[in-house]
Amino acid sequence: MDVAGLWSVTASWTGDLTYKGAESPERSFMVEPLIEPWLLYAMIAAIIVTALGIVIFLRKRMQLRT
């Protein structure tokens, strides 16, 4: 699961006939998003605007040829 926020983990093992079980202390850490949401939306908007610009340019260019 890809979720930003404060996470805590522990590791444990119950053991077997040869080795005793063990458990680690709890460790906490902060997971930050790879990219800020506002930046992601800005990038998507820029891609859409660029694509629309290309479409408009090509349509006008085709109209000039006819």
PDB file of N, CA and C in Angstrom:
ATOM      1  N   MET A   1       0.842  -1.172   0.000  1.00  0.00           N
ATOM      2  CA  MET A   1       0.000   0.000   0.000  1.00  0.00           C
ATOM      3  C   MET A   1       0.889   1.238   0.000  1.00  0.00           C
ATOM      4  N   ASP A   2       0.628   2.195  -0.864  1.00  0.00           N
ATOM      5  CA  ASP A   2       1.405   3.425  -0.961  1.00  0.00           C
ATOM      6  C   ASP A   2       0.683   4.533  -0.217  1.00  0.00           C
ATOM      7  N   VAL A   3       0.994   4.697   1.063  1.00  0.00           N
ATOM      8  CA  VAL A   3       0.323   5.691   1.877  1.00  0.00           C
ATOM      9  C   VAL A   3       1.361   6.498   2.645  1.00  0.00           C
ATOM     10  N   ALA A   4       1.320   7.824   2.448  1.00  0.00           N
ATOM     11  CA  ALA A   4       2.224   8.692   3.196  1.00  0.00           C
ATOM     12  C   ALA A   4       1.722   8.823   4.626  1.00  0.00           C
ATOM     13  N   GLY A   5       2.641   9.117   5.528  1.00  0.00           N
ATOM     14  CA  GLY A   5       2.265   9.316   6.930  1.00  0.00           C
ATOM     15  C   GLY A   5       3.259   8.661   7.863  1.00  0.00           C
ATOM     16  N   LEU A   6       2.890   8.632   9.146  1.00  0.00           N
ATOM     17  CA  LEU A   6       3.742   8.031  10.168  1.00  0.00           C
ATOM     18  C   LEU A   6       3.468   6.534  10.242  1.00  0.00           C
ATOM     19  N   TRP A   7       4.498   5.732  10.108  1.00  0.00           N
ATOM     20  CA  TRP A   7       4.391   4.279  10.148  1.00  0.00           C
ATOM     21  C   TRP A   7       5.218   3.738  11.308  1.00  0.00           C
ATOM     22  N   SER A   8       4.789   2.610  11.870  1.00  0.00           N
ATOM     23  CA  SER A   8       5.541   1.898  12.906  1.00  0.00           C
ATOM     24  C   SER A   8       5.608   0.433  12.515  1.00  0.00           C
ATOM     25  N   VAL A   9       6.764  -0.179  12.744  1.00  0.00           N
ATOM     26  CA  VAL A   9       6.929  -1.591  12.401  1.00  0.00           C
ATOM     27  C   VAL A   9       7.676  -2.328  13.512  1.00  0.00           C
ATOM     28  N   THR A  10       7.423  -3.616  13.583  1.00  0.00           N
ATOM     29  CA  THR A  10       8.205  -4.528  14.431  1.00  0.00           C
ATOM     30  C   THR A  10       8.429  -5.804  13.633  1.00  0.00           C
ATOM     31  N   ALA A  11       9.435  -6.527  14.001  1.00  0.00           N
ATOM     32  CA  ALA A  11       9.698  -7.826  13.383  1.00  0.00           C
ATOM     33  C   ALA A  11       9.717  -8.870  14.493  1.00  0.00           C
ATOM     34  N   SER A  12       9.130 -10.021  14.210  1.00  0.00           N
ATOM     35  CA  SER A  12       9.139 -11.075  15.230  1.00  0.00           C
ATOM     36  C   SER A  12       9.220 -12.447  14.561  1.00  0.00           C
ATOM     37  N   TRP A  13       9.695 -13.374  15.357  1.00  0.00           N
ATOM     38  CA  TRP A  13       9.786 -14.760  14.907  1.00  0.00           C
ATOM     39  C   TRP A  13       9.487 -15.636  16.111  1.00  0.00           C
ATOM     40  N   THR A  14       8.634 -16.644  15.919  1.00  0.00           N
ATOM     41  CA  THR A  14       8.210 -17.463  17.060  1.00  0.00           C
ATOM     42  C   THR A  14       9.266 -18.471  17.489  1.00  0.00           C
ATOM     43  N   GLY A  15      10.214 -18.737  16.622  1.00  0.00           N
ATOM     44  CA  GLY A  15      11.255 -19.707  16.960  1.00  0.00           C
ATOM     45  C   GLY A  15      10.928 -21.095  16.442  1.00  0.00           C
ATOM     46  N   ASP A  16      11.873 -22.018  16.660  1.00  0.00           N
ATOM     47  CA  ASP A  16      11.655 -23.410  16.268  1.00  0.00           C
ATOM     48  C   ASP A  16      12.376 -24.309  17.275  1.00  0.00           C
ATOM     49  N   LEU A  17      12.599 -25.562  16.921  1.00  0.00           N
ATOM     50  CA  LEU A  17      13.234 -26.482  17.859  1.00  0.00           C
ATOM     51  C   LEU A  17      14.689 -26.114  18.149  1.00  0.00           C
ATOM     52  N   THR A  18      15.320 -25.379  17.254  1.00  0.00           N
ATOM     53  CA  THR A  18      16.730 -25.043  17.418  1.00  0.00           C
ATOM     54  C   THR A  18      16.945 -23.644  17.983  1.00  0.00           C
ATOM     55  N   TYR A  19      16.112 -22.701  17.587  1.00  0.00           N
ATOM     56  CA  TYR A  19      16.328 -21.301  17.960  1.00  0.00           C
ATOM     57  C   TYR A  19      15.123 -20.739  18.713  1.00  0.00           C
ATOM     58  N   LYS A  20      15.415 -19.899  19.689  1.00  0.00           N
ATOM     59  CA  LYS A  20      14.366 -19.220  20.432  1.00  0.00           C
ATOM     60  C   LYS A  20      13.735 -18.136  19.559  1.00  0.00           C
ATOM     61  N   GLY A  21      12.530 -17.789  19.889  1.00  0.00           N
ATOM     62  CA  GLY A  21      11.855 -16.699  19.202  1.00  0.00           C
ATOM     63  C   GLY A  21      12.439 -15.354  19.619  1.00  0.00           C
ATOM     64  N   ALA A  22      12.134 -14.352  18.856  1.00  0.00           N
ATOM     65  CA  ALA A  22      12.636 -13.015  19.158  1.00  0.00           C
ATOM     66  C   ALA A  22      11.681 -11.976  18.593  1.00  0.00           C
ATOM     67  N   GLU A  23      11.775 -10.782  19.157  1.00  0.00           N
ATOM     68  CA  GLU A  23      10.966  -9.671  18.653  1.00  0.00           C
ATOM     69  C   GLU A  23      11.795  -8.397  18.738  1.00  0.00           C
ATOM     70  N   SER A  24      11.711  -7.608  17.690  1.00  0.00           N
ATOM     71  CA  SER A  24      12.466  -6.348  17.653  1.00  0.00           C
ATOM     72  C   SER A  24      11.682  -5.261  18.369  1.00  0.00           C
ATOM     73  N   PRO A  25      12.374  -4.216  18.771  1.00  0.00           N
ATOM     74  CA  PRO A  25      11.638  -3.062  19.301  1.00  0.00           C
ATOM     75  C   PRO A  25      10.878  -2.369  18.168  1.00  0.00           C
ATOM     76  N   GLU A  26       9.830  -1.677  18.528  1.00  0.00           N
ATOM     77  CA  GLU A  26       9.060  -0.953  17.522  1.00  0.00           C
ATOM     78  C   GLU A  26       9.865   0.235  17.026  1.00  0.00           C
ATOM     79  N   ARG A  27       9.826   0.443  15.720  1.00  0.00           N
ATOM     80  CA  ARG A  27      10.492   1.585  15.102  1.00  0.00           C
ATOM     81  C   ARG A  27       9.454   2.366  14.305  1.00  0.00           C
ATOM     82  N   SER A  28       9.508   3.673  14.422  1.00  0.00           N
ATOM     83  CA  SER A  28       8.592   4.541  13.686  1.00  0.00           C
ATOM     84  C   SER A  28       9.377   5.340  12.653  1.00  0.00           C
ATOM     85  N   PHE A  29       8.707   5.658  11.555  1.00  0.00           N
ATOM     86  CA  PHE A  29       9.330   6.462  10.509  1.00  0.00           C
ATOM     87  C   PHE A  29       8.245   7.179   9.724  1.00  0.00           C
ATOM     88  N   MET A  30       8.640   8.276   9.094  1.00  0.00           N
ATOM     89  CA  MET A  30       7.717   9.081   8.302  1.00  0.00           C
ATOM     90  C   MET A  30       7.896   8.765   6.821  1.00  0.00           C
ATOM     91  N   VAL A  31       6.798   8.480   6.144  1.00  0.00           N
ATOM     92  CA  VAL A  31       6.811   8.246   4.705  1.00  0.00           C
ATOM     93  C   VAL A  31       6.228   9.493   4.045  1.00  0.00           C
ATOM     94  N   GLU A  32       7.019  10.114   3.167  1.00  0.00           N
ATOM     95  CA  GLU A  32       6.576  11.309   2.474  1.00  0.00           C
ATOM     96  C   GLU A  32       6.239  10.962   1.030  1.00  0.00           C
ATOM     97  N   PRO A  33       5.261  11.663   0.455  1.00  0.00           N
ATOM     98  CA  PRO A  33       4.913  11.379  -0.942  1.00  0.00           C
ATOM     99  C   PRO A  33       6.098  11.675  -1.852  1.00  0.00           C
ATOM    100  N   LEU A  34       6.231  10.881  -2.897  1.00  0.00           N
ATOM    101  CA  LEU A  34       7.314  11.066  -3.855  1.00  0.00           C
ATOM    102  C   LEU A  34       7.212  12.419  -4.543  1.00  0.00           C
ATOM    103  N   ILE A  35       6.003  12.833  -4.819  1.00  0.00           N
ATOM    104  CA  ILE A  35       5.774  14.118  -5.475  1.00  0.00           C
ATOM    105  C   ILE A  35       4.596  14.780  -4.773  1.00  0.00           C
ATOM    106  N   GLU A  36       4.689  16.075  -4.576  1.00  0.00           N
ATOM    107  CA  GLU A  36       3.608  16.811  -3.923  1.00  0.00           C
ATOM    108  C   GLU A  36       2.368  16.774  -4.819  1.00  0.00           C
ATOM    109  N   PRO A  37       1.184  16.615  -4.225  1.00  0.00           N
ATOM    110  CA  PRO A  37      -0.038  16.536  -5.039  1.00  0.00           C
ATOM    111  C   PRO A  37      -0.240  17.757  -5.937  1.00  0.00           C
ATOM    112  N   TRP A  38       0.029  18.969  -5.444  1.00  0.00           N
ATOM    113  CA  TRP A  38      -0.188  20.158  -6.270  1.00  0.00           C
ATOM    114  C   TRP A  38       0.738  20.145  -7.482  1.00  0.00           C
ATOM    115  N   LEU A  39       1.956  19.598  -7.316  1.00  0.00           N
ATOM    116  CA  LEU A  39       2.886  19.528  -8.438  1.00  0.00           C
ATOM    117  C   LEU A  39       2.405  18.510  -9.471  1.00  0.00           C
ATOM    118  N   LEU A  40       1.864  17.410  -9.001  1.00  0.00           N
ATOM    119  CA  LEU A  40       1.306  16.403  -9.909  1.00  0.00           C
ATOM    120  C   LEU A  40       0.168  16.999 -10.742  1.00  0.00           C
ATOM    121  N   TYR A  41      -0.737  17.736 -10.090  1.00  0.00           N
ATOM    122  CA  TYR A  41      -1.852  18.352 -10.810  1.00  0.00           C
ATOM    123  C   TYR A  41      -1.352  19.401 -11.796  1.00  0.00           C
ATOM    124  N   ALA A  42      -0.347  20.157 -11.410  1.00  0.00           N
ATOM    125  CA  ALA A  42       0.227  21.162 -12.310  1.00  0.00           C
ATOM    126  C   ALA A  42       0.846  20.494 -13.542  1.00  0.00           C
ATOM    127  N   MET A  43       1.522  19.365 -13.335  1.00  0.00           N
ATOM    128  CA  MET A  43       2.130  18.651 -14.457  1.00  0.00           C
ATOM    129  C   MET A  43       1.057  18.110 -15.399  1.00  0.00           C
ATOM    130  N   ILE A  44      -0.012  17.566 -14.850  1.00  0.00           N
ATOM    131  CA  ILE A  44      -1.109  17.047 -15.676  1.00  0.00           C
ATOM    132  C   ILE A  44      -1.742  18.174 -16.470  1.00  0.00           C
ATOM    133  N   ALA A  45      -1.974  19.320 -15.819  1.00  0.00           N
ATOM    134  CA  ALA A  45      -2.553  20.470 -16.509  1.00  0.00           C
ATOM    135  C   ALA A  45      -1.637  20.944 -17.634  1.00  0.00           C
ATOM    136  N   ALA A  46      -0.332  20.984 -17.385  1.00  0.00           N
ATOM    137  CA  ALA A  46       0.618  21.414 -18.418  1.00  0.00           C
ATOM    138  C   ALA A  46       0.601  20.463 -19.605  1.00  0.00           C
ATOM    139  N   ILE A  47       0.505  19.183 -19.348  1.00  0.00           N
ATOM    140  CA  ILE A  47       0.448  18.192 -20.434  1.00  0.00           C
ATOM    141  C   ILE A  47      -0.819  18.374 -21.257  1.00  0.00           C
ATOM    142  N   ILE A  48      -1.950  18.598 -20.584  1.00  0.00           N
ATOM    143  CA  ILE A  48      -3.217  18.785 -21.294  1.00  0.00           C
ATOM    144  C   ILE A  48      -3.176  20.053 -22.148  1.00  0.00           C
ATOM    145  N   VAL A  49      -2.675  21.146 -21.562  1.00  0.00           N
ATOM    146  CA  VAL A  49      -2.593  22.409 -22.309  1.00  0.00           C
ATOM    147  C   VAL A  49      -1.671  22.253 -23.519  1.00  0.00           C
ATOM    148  N   THR A  50      -0.551  21.577 -23.343  1.00  0.00           N
ATOM    149  CA  THR A  50       0.379  21.358 -24.454  1.00  0.00           C
ATOM    150  C   THR A  50      -0.268  20.523 -25.553  1.00  0.00           C
ATOM    151  N   ALA A  51      -0.962  19.457 -25.161  1.00  0.00           N
ATOM    152  CA  ALA A  51      -1.621  18.593 -26.143  1.00  0.00           C
ATOM    153  C   ALA A  51      -2.694  19.367 -26.904  1.00  0.00           C
ATOM    154  N   LEU A  52      -3.481  20.179 -26.202  1.00  0.00           N
ATOM    155  CA  LEU A  52      -4.499  20.983 -26.881  1.00  0.00           C
ATOM    156  C   LEU A  52      -3.860  21.989 -27.825  1.00  0.00           C
ATOM    157  N   GLY A  53      -2.756  22.584 -27.421  1.00  0.00           N
ATOM    158  CA  GLY A  53      -2.049  23.517 -28.291  1.00  0.00           C
ATOM    159  C   GLY A  53      -1.577  22.854 -29.566  1.00  0.00           C
ATOM    160  N   ILE A  54      -1.057  21.648 -29.452  1.00  0.00           N
ATOM    161  CA  ILE A  54      -0.591  20.914 -30.628  1.00  0.00           C
ATOM    162  C   ILE A  54      -1.759  20.585 -31.556  1.00  0.00           C
ATOM    163  N   VAL A  55      -2.878  20.152 -30.968  1.00  0.00           N
ATOM    164  CA  VAL A  55      -4.056  19.826 -31.776  1.00  0.00           C
ATOM    165  C   VAL A  55      -4.551  21.062 -32.519  1.00  0.00           C
ATOM    166  N   ILE A  56      -4.645  22.189 -31.833  1.00  0.00           N
ATOM    167  CA  ILE A  56      -5.101  23.429 -32.471  1.00  0.00           C
ATOM    168  C   ILE A  56      -4.138  23.846 -33.572  1.00  0.00           C
ATOM    169  N   PHE A  57      -2.842  23.779 -33.300  1.00  0.00           N
ATOM    170  CA  PHE A  57      -1.842  24.140 -34.305  1.00  0.00           C
ATOM    171  C   PHE A  57      -1.971  23.265 -35.550  1.00  0.00           C
ATOM    172  N   LEU A  58      -2.093  21.964 -35.375  1.00  0.00           N
ATOM    173  CA  LEU A  58      -2.188  21.055 -36.512  1.00  0.00           C
ATOM    174  C   LEU A  58      -3.470  21.264 -37.295  1.00  0.00           C
ATOM    175  N   ARG A  59      -4.582  21.536 -36.607  1.00  0.00           N
ATOM    176  CA  ARG A  59      -5.846  21.780 -37.322  1.00  0.00           C
ATOM    177  C   ARG A  59      -5.755  23.049 -38.165  1.00  0.00           C
ATOM    178  N   LYS A  60      -5.179  24.107 -37.600  1.00  0.00           N
ATOM    179  CA  LYS A  60      -5.045  25.350 -38.371  1.00  0.00           C
ATOM    180  C   LYS A  60      -4.107  25.152 -39.549  1.00  0.00           C
ATOM    181  N   ARG A  61      -3.063  24.391 -39.329  1.00  0.00           N
ATOM    182  CA  ARG A  61      -2.115  24.133 -40.414  1.00  0.00           C
ATOM    183  C   ARG A  61      -2.797  23.356 -41.552  1.00  0.00           C
ATOM    184  N   MET A  62      -3.649  22.386 -41.183  1.00  0.00           N
ATOM    185  CA  MET A  62      -4.363  21.607 -42.202  1.00  0.00           C
ATOM    186  C   MET A  62      -5.364  22.483 -42.941  1.00  0.00           C
ATOM    187  N   GLN A  63      -5.990  23.439 -42.233  1.00  0.00           N
ATOM    188  CA  GLN A  63      -6.958  24.340 -42.886  1.00  0.00           C
ATOM    189  C   GLN A  63      -6.256  25.245 -43.892  1.00  0.00           C
ATOM    190  N   LEU A  64      -5.032  25.662 -43.610  1.00  0.00           N
ATOM    191  CA  LEU A  64      -4.301  26.527 -44.520  1.00  0.00           C
ATOM    192  C   LEU A  64      -3.934  25.782 -45.807  1.00  0.00           C
ATOM    193  N   ARG A  65      -3.742  24.490 -45.747  1.00  0.00           N
ATOM    194  CA  ARG A  65      -3.365  23.695 -46.909  1.00  0.00           C
ATOM    195  C   ARG A  65      -4.542  23.454 -47.856  1.00  0.00           C
ATOM    196  N   THR A  66      -5.756  23.556 -47.346  1.00  0.00           N
ATOM    197  CA  THR A  66      -6.914  23.261 -48.192  1.00  0.00           C
ATOM    198  C   THR A  66      -7.486  24.490 -48.830  1.00  0.00           C
TER     199      THR A  66
END
